[in-house]
Amino acid sequence: MNFISSRGKILLTTAAGAFFGYYGAKWTGRKLVNTIADSSIRTIMTDSYDENLWEFISASNRVGQQVIVETNMRAQEGTLINRPLGSLGSLTSKKQLKHCTNFFFPVKKNWKLD
């Protein structure tokens, strides 16, 4: 006696394959992500200070990436950069320019710059 027709067998096989395929892929994906995460965290926690990328991320959050790059350029070349160290904030509004004076020194008409 045959309880399931051939079409029913195909549908049952397809449903079982989809079910186990989905959960198998989910399990395999979790194992893969877990292995990669464990390896990454182990590397971050056990690397020496000068090889550890997390130390660079922490330092760049505290100091700023531009300061790190400029300091590295100064250290490698042994010369000064043409731009002085300091804030790069720009004065954009007139309210920020209150401390500047609007006084111009009088200059003679035929005055030349040496």
N, C-alpha and C. Protein backbone atom coordinates (compact mmCIF):
# COMPACT_ATOMS: atom_id res chain seq x y z
N MET A 1 0.84 -1.18 0.00
CA MET A 1 0.00 0.00 0.00
C MET A 1 0.88 1.24 0.00
N ASN A 2 0.49 2.12 -0.83
CA ASN A 2 1.25 3.35 -0.98
C ASN A 2 0.40 4.51 -0.46
N PHE A 3 0.77 5.10 0.73
CA PHE A 3 -0.05 6.16 1.33
C PHE A 3 0.21 7.52 0.71
N ILE A 4 1.43 7.74 0.24
CA ILE A 4 1.79 9.05 -0.30
C ILE A 4 2.08 8.89 -1.78
N SER A 5 1.49 9.77 -2.56
CA SER A 5 1.73 9.72 -4.01
C SER A 5 3.12 10.25 -4.32
N SER A 6 3.53 10.12 -5.56
CA SER A 6 4.87 10.61 -5.94
C SER A 6 4.96 12.12 -5.81
N ARG A 7 3.87 12.81 -6.11
CA ARG A 7 3.85 14.27 -5.96
C ARG A 7 3.96 14.64 -4.48
N GLY A 8 3.33 13.94 -3.62
CA GLY A 8 3.40 14.17 -2.18
C GLY A 8 4.80 13.90 -1.64
N LYS A 9 5.45 12.87 -2.19
CA LYS A 9 6.83 12.58 -1.77
C LYS A 9 7.76 13.72 -2.16
N ILE A 10 7.55 14.25 -3.35
CA ILE A 10 8.39 15.37 -3.80
C ILE A 10 8.16 16.59 -2.92
N LEU A 11 6.91 16.89 -2.60
CA LEU A 11 6.61 18.03 -1.72
C LEU A 11 7.17 17.83 -0.32
N LEU A 12 7.05 16.61 0.20
CA LEU A 12 7.57 16.32 1.54
C LEU A 12 9.10 16.42 1.56
N THR A 13 9.75 15.91 0.52
CA THR A 13 11.20 15.99 0.43
C THR A 13 11.67 17.45 0.31
N THR A 14 10.94 18.24 -0.49
CA THR A 14 11.29 19.65 -0.65
C THR A 14 11.10 20.41 0.65
N ALA A 15 10.00 20.16 1.36
CA ALA A 15 9.75 20.84 2.64
C ALA A 15 10.81 20.45 3.67
N ALA A 16 11.15 19.17 3.73
CA ALA A 16 12.18 18.73 4.69
C ALA A 16 13.54 19.34 4.34
N GLY A 17 13.85 19.37 3.04
CA GLY A 17 15.12 19.97 2.62
C GLY A 17 15.18 21.45 2.94
N ALA A 18 14.06 22.16 2.73
CA ALA A 18 14.03 23.59 3.05
C ALA A 18 14.17 23.82 4.55
N PHE A 19 13.47 23.00 5.34
CA PHE A 19 13.52 23.14 6.79
C PHE A 19 14.93 22.90 7.32
N PHE A 20 15.51 21.75 6.97
CA PHE A 20 16.84 21.42 7.46
C PHE A 20 17.92 22.29 6.82
N GLY A 21 17.67 22.70 5.58
CA GLY A 21 18.62 23.61 4.92
C GLY A 21 18.67 24.96 5.60
N TYR A 22 17.49 25.50 5.97
CA TYR A 22 17.44 26.78 6.66
C TYR A 22 18.14 26.72 8.01
N TYR A 23 17.76 25.73 8.81
CA TYR A 23 18.35 25.63 10.15
C TYR A 23 19.82 25.19 10.10
N GLY A 24 20.18 24.42 9.08
CA GLY A 24 21.58 24.06 8.92
C GLY A 24 22.43 25.27 8.54
N ALA A 25 21.91 26.11 7.63
CA ALA A 25 22.63 27.32 7.25
C ALA A 25 22.70 28.29 8.42
N LYS A 26 21.63 28.37 9.19
CA LYS A 26 21.61 29.25 10.36
C LYS A 26 22.65 28.79 11.39
N TRP A 27 22.70 27.49 11.66
CA TRP A 27 23.67 26.94 12.61
C TRP A 27 25.10 27.14 12.11
N THR A 28 25.34 26.87 10.82
CA THR A 28 26.67 27.03 10.25
C THR A 28 27.10 28.50 10.28
N GLY A 29 26.17 29.39 9.95
CA GLY A 29 26.48 30.82 9.98
C GLY A 29 26.83 31.30 11.38
N ARG A 30 26.08 30.85 12.37
CA ARG A 30 26.38 31.23 13.76
C ARG A 30 27.75 30.71 14.19
N LYS A 31 28.05 29.48 13.82
CA LYS A 31 29.36 28.92 14.17
C LYS A 31 30.48 29.74 13.51
N LEU A 32 30.29 30.10 12.24
CA LEU A 32 31.30 30.87 11.52
C LEU A 32 31.50 32.25 12.14
N VAL A 33 30.40 32.94 12.43
CA VAL A 33 30.50 34.28 13.04
C VAL A 33 31.12 34.18 14.43
N ASN A 34 30.76 33.16 15.20
CA ASN A 34 31.31 32.97 16.53
C ASN A 34 32.83 32.74 16.47
N THR A 35 33.27 31.93 15.52
CA THR A 35 34.69 31.65 15.36
C THR A 35 35.46 32.92 14.98
N ILE A 36 34.92 33.69 14.04
CA ILE A 36 35.59 34.93 13.61
C ILE A 36 35.63 35.94 14.75
N ALA A 37 34.53 36.08 15.49
CA ALA A 37 34.49 37.03 16.60
C ALA A 37 35.47 36.62 17.71
N ASP A 38 35.50 35.34 18.03
CA ASP A 38 36.43 34.86 19.06
C ASP A 38 37.88 35.11 18.66
N SER A 39 38.19 34.85 17.40
CA SER A 39 39.55 35.06 16.92
C SER A 39 39.93 36.55 16.96
N SER A 40 38.99 37.40 16.55
CA SER A 40 39.27 38.85 16.55
C SER A 40 39.47 39.37 17.97
N ILE A 41 38.62 38.97 18.87
CA ILE A 41 38.73 39.44 20.26
C ILE A 41 40.00 38.90 20.90
N ARG A 42 40.36 37.66 20.62
CA ARG A 42 41.59 37.09 21.15
C ARG A 42 42.80 37.89 20.65
N THR A 43 42.79 38.26 19.35
CA THR A 43 43.88 39.04 18.78
C THR A 43 43.99 40.41 19.45
N ILE A 44 42.84 41.07 19.64
CA ILE A 44 42.85 42.39 20.27
C ILE A 44 43.35 42.31 21.71
N MET A 45 42.96 41.28 22.41
CA MET A 45 43.32 41.18 23.83
C MET A 45 44.75 40.70 24.06
N THR A 46 45.36 39.99 23.12
CA THR A 46 46.68 39.41 23.37
C THR A 46 47.81 40.06 22.59
N ASP A 47 47.51 40.94 21.62
CA ASP A 47 48.59 41.59 20.88
C ASP A 47 49.38 42.52 21.79
N SER A 48 50.64 42.70 21.45
CA SER A 48 51.45 43.64 22.22
C SER A 48 50.99 45.07 21.91
N TYR A 49 51.41 46.00 22.74
CA TYR A 49 50.91 47.37 22.66
C TYR A 49 51.15 48.01 21.30
N ASP A 50 52.34 47.82 20.73
CA ASP A 50 52.65 48.49 19.47
C ASP A 50 51.98 47.83 18.26
N GLU A 51 51.46 46.63 18.39
CA GLU A 51 50.77 45.96 17.29
C GLU A 51 49.25 46.00 17.44
N ASN A 52 48.76 46.49 18.54
CA ASN A 52 47.33 46.41 18.83
C ASN A 52 46.58 47.54 18.14
N LEU A 53 45.63 47.19 17.27
CA LEU A 53 44.84 48.19 16.57
C LEU A 53 43.86 48.91 17.50
N TRP A 54 43.41 48.24 18.53
CA TRP A 54 42.45 48.87 19.44
C TRP A 54 43.08 50.04 20.18
N GLU A 55 44.37 49.97 20.45
CA GLU A 55 45.05 51.10 21.10
C GLU A 55 45.05 52.32 20.19
N PHE A 56 45.20 52.11 18.88
CA PHE A 56 45.15 53.22 17.94
C PHE A 56 43.76 53.85 17.91
N ILE A 57 42.73 53.01 17.93
CA ILE A 57 41.36 53.54 17.91
C ILE A 57 41.09 54.34 19.19
N SER A 58 41.52 53.81 20.32
CA SER A 58 41.33 54.51 21.59
C SER A 58 42.09 55.84 21.61
N ALA A 59 43.33 55.82 21.14
CA ALA A 59 44.14 57.04 21.13
C ALA A 59 43.58 58.07 20.15
N SER A 60 43.10 57.63 19.01
CA SER A 60 42.59 58.58 18.03
C SER A 60 41.28 59.21 18.50
N ASN A 61 40.52 58.51 19.32
CA ASN A 61 39.31 59.12 19.89
C ASN A 61 39.66 60.19 20.92
N ARG A 62 40.74 59.98 21.65
CA ARG A 62 41.13 60.95 22.68
C ARG A 62 41.82 62.16 22.07
N VAL A 63 42.76 61.94 21.17
CA VAL A 63 43.61 63.01 20.67
C VAL A 63 43.07 63.60 19.38
N GLY A 64 42.68 62.76 18.47
CA GLY A 64 42.23 63.21 17.16
C GLY A 64 43.16 62.67 16.10
N GLN A 65 42.58 62.28 14.98
CA GLN A 65 43.37 61.63 13.94
C GLN A 65 44.34 62.60 13.27
N GLN A 66 43.96 63.86 13.12
CA GLN A 66 44.85 64.81 12.45
C GLN A 66 46.11 65.06 13.29
N VAL A 67 45.97 65.15 14.58
CA VAL A 67 47.14 65.36 15.44
C VAL A 67 48.08 64.17 15.34
N ILE A 68 47.52 62.95 15.31
CA ILE A 68 48.36 61.76 15.18
C ILE A 68 49.12 61.76 13.87
N VAL A 69 48.44 62.09 12.77
CA VAL A 69 49.09 62.10 11.46
C VAL A 69 50.16 63.18 11.40
N GLU A 70 49.87 64.37 11.91
CA GLU A 70 50.86 65.45 11.88
C GLU A 70 52.08 65.12 12.75
N THR A 71 51.85 64.53 13.90
CA THR A 71 52.97 64.15 14.75
C THR A 71 53.83 63.09 14.08
N ASN A 72 53.19 62.15 13.41
CA ASN A 72 53.92 61.12 12.68
C ASN A 72 54.73 61.73 11.54
N MET A 73 54.15 62.71 10.83
CA MET A 73 54.89 63.37 9.74
C MET A 73 56.11 64.12 10.28
N ARG A 74 55.92 64.81 11.40
CA ARG A 74 57.04 65.53 12.01
C ARG A 74 58.14 64.56 12.45
N ALA A 75 57.74 63.42 13.00
CA ALA A 75 58.73 62.45 13.49
C ALA A 75 59.49 61.80 12.35
N GLN A 76 58.83 61.52 11.24
CA GLN A 76 59.50 60.83 10.13
C GLN A 76 60.42 61.76 9.36
N GLU A 77 59.95 62.99 9.09
CA GLU A 77 60.74 63.91 8.28
C GLU A 77 61.74 64.71 9.09
N GLY A 78 61.48 64.91 10.34
CA GLY A 78 62.38 65.70 11.18
C GLY A 78 62.32 67.18 10.88
N THR A 79 61.30 67.62 10.19
CA THR A 79 61.14 69.04 9.85
C THR A 79 59.78 69.51 10.34
N LEU A 80 59.61 70.81 10.31
CA LEU A 80 58.33 71.38 10.71
C LEU A 80 57.36 71.35 9.54
N ILE A 81 56.11 71.21 9.85
CA ILE A 81 55.06 71.33 8.84
C ILE A 81 54.76 72.82 8.71
N ASN A 82 54.45 73.26 7.52
CA ASN A 82 54.24 74.70 7.29
C ASN A 82 53.04 75.25 8.06
N ARG A 83 52.11 74.40 8.44
CA ARG A 83 50.96 74.86 9.21
C ARG A 83 51.25 74.63 10.69
N PRO A 84 51.06 75.62 11.54
CA PRO A 84 51.33 75.42 12.96
C PRO A 84 50.27 74.53 13.60
N LEU A 85 50.64 73.89 14.70
CA LEU A 85 49.68 73.11 15.45
C LEU A 85 48.64 74.03 16.06
N GLY A 86 47.48 73.54 16.21
CA GLY A 86 46.43 74.33 16.83
C GLY A 86 45.07 73.91 16.31
N SER A 87 44.08 74.59 16.78
CA SER A 87 42.71 74.27 16.40
C SER A 87 42.46 74.63 14.95
N LEU A 88 41.67 73.80 14.28
CA LEU A 88 41.29 74.09 12.91
C LEU A 88 39.91 74.71 12.83
N GLY A 89 39.34 75.04 13.96
CA GLY A 89 38.01 75.65 13.97
C GLY A 89 38.02 76.96 13.22
N SER A 90 37.04 77.17 12.40
CA SER A 90 37.00 78.41 11.61
C SER A 90 35.99 79.36 12.22
N LEU A 91 36.24 80.63 12.08
CA LEU A 91 35.32 81.66 12.54
C LEU A 91 34.32 81.90 11.42
N THR A 92 33.08 81.57 11.66
CA THR A 92 32.10 81.66 10.59
C THR A 92 31.08 82.76 10.81
N SER A 93 30.77 83.09 12.02
CA SER A 93 29.74 84.09 12.24
C SER A 93 30.35 85.39 12.75
N LYS A 94 29.60 86.45 12.58
CA LYS A 94 30.07 87.77 13.03
C LYS A 94 30.14 87.85 14.55
N LYS A 95 29.32 87.06 15.22
CA LYS A 95 29.35 87.05 16.68
C LYS A 95 30.67 86.52 17.20
N GLN A 96 31.29 85.61 16.47
CA GLN A 96 32.57 85.07 16.88
C GLN A 96 33.70 86.07 16.64
N LEU A 97 33.45 87.07 15.84
CA LEU A 97 34.49 88.06 15.53
C LEU A 97 34.42 89.29 16.42
N LYS A 98 33.64 89.25 17.50
CA LYS A 98 33.50 90.40 18.38
C LYS A 98 34.84 90.86 18.95
N HIS A 99 35.71 89.91 19.24
CA HIS A 99 36.97 90.27 19.88
C HIS A 99 37.94 90.94 18.90
N CYS A 100 37.68 90.85 17.61
CA CYS A 100 38.56 91.51 16.62
C CYS A 100 38.20 92.99 16.54
N THR A 101 39.18 93.78 16.30
CA THR A 101 38.92 95.21 16.19
C THR A 101 38.70 95.58 14.74
N ASN A 102 37.95 96.62 14.52
CA ASN A 102 37.71 97.11 13.17
C ASN A 102 38.53 98.37 12.91
N PHE A 103 39.59 98.52 13.67
CA PHE A 103 40.42 99.71 13.55
C PHE A 103 41.53 99.45 12.54
N PHE A 104 41.67 100.35 11.58
CA PHE A 104 42.75 100.25 10.60
C PHE A 104 43.72 101.39 10.85
N PHE A 105 45.00 101.06 10.83
CA PHE A 105 46.01 102.09 10.99
C PHE A 105 46.04 102.96 9.74
N PRO A 106 46.18 104.26 9.93
CA PRO A 106 46.25 105.12 8.75
C PRO A 106 47.57 104.88 8.00
N VAL A 107 47.48 104.80 6.73
CA VAL A 107 48.65 104.55 5.89
C VAL A 107 48.76 105.69 4.91
N LYS A 108 49.97 106.20 4.72
CA LYS A 108 50.18 107.27 3.76
C LYS A 108 49.91 106.75 2.36
N LYS A 109 49.53 107.63 1.49
CA LYS A 109 49.13 107.25 0.15
C LYS A 109 50.26 106.62 -0.64
N ASN A 110 51.47 107.12 -0.51
CA ASN A 110 52.61 106.62 -1.29
C ASN A 110 53.47 105.65 -0.51
N TRP A 111 52.98 105.07 0.52
CA TRP A 111 53.76 104.18 1.39
C TRP A 111 53.98 102.84 0.69
N LYS A 112 55.21 102.34 0.72
CA LYS A 112 55.54 101.07 0.08
C LYS A 112 56.04 100.08 1.14
N LEU A 113 55.74 98.85 0.88
CA LEU A 113 56.17 97.79 1.78
C LEU A 113 57.59 97.38 1.42
N ASP A 114 58.46 97.29 2.42
CA ASP A 114 59.85 96.91 2.15
C ASP A 114 59.96 95.43 1.94
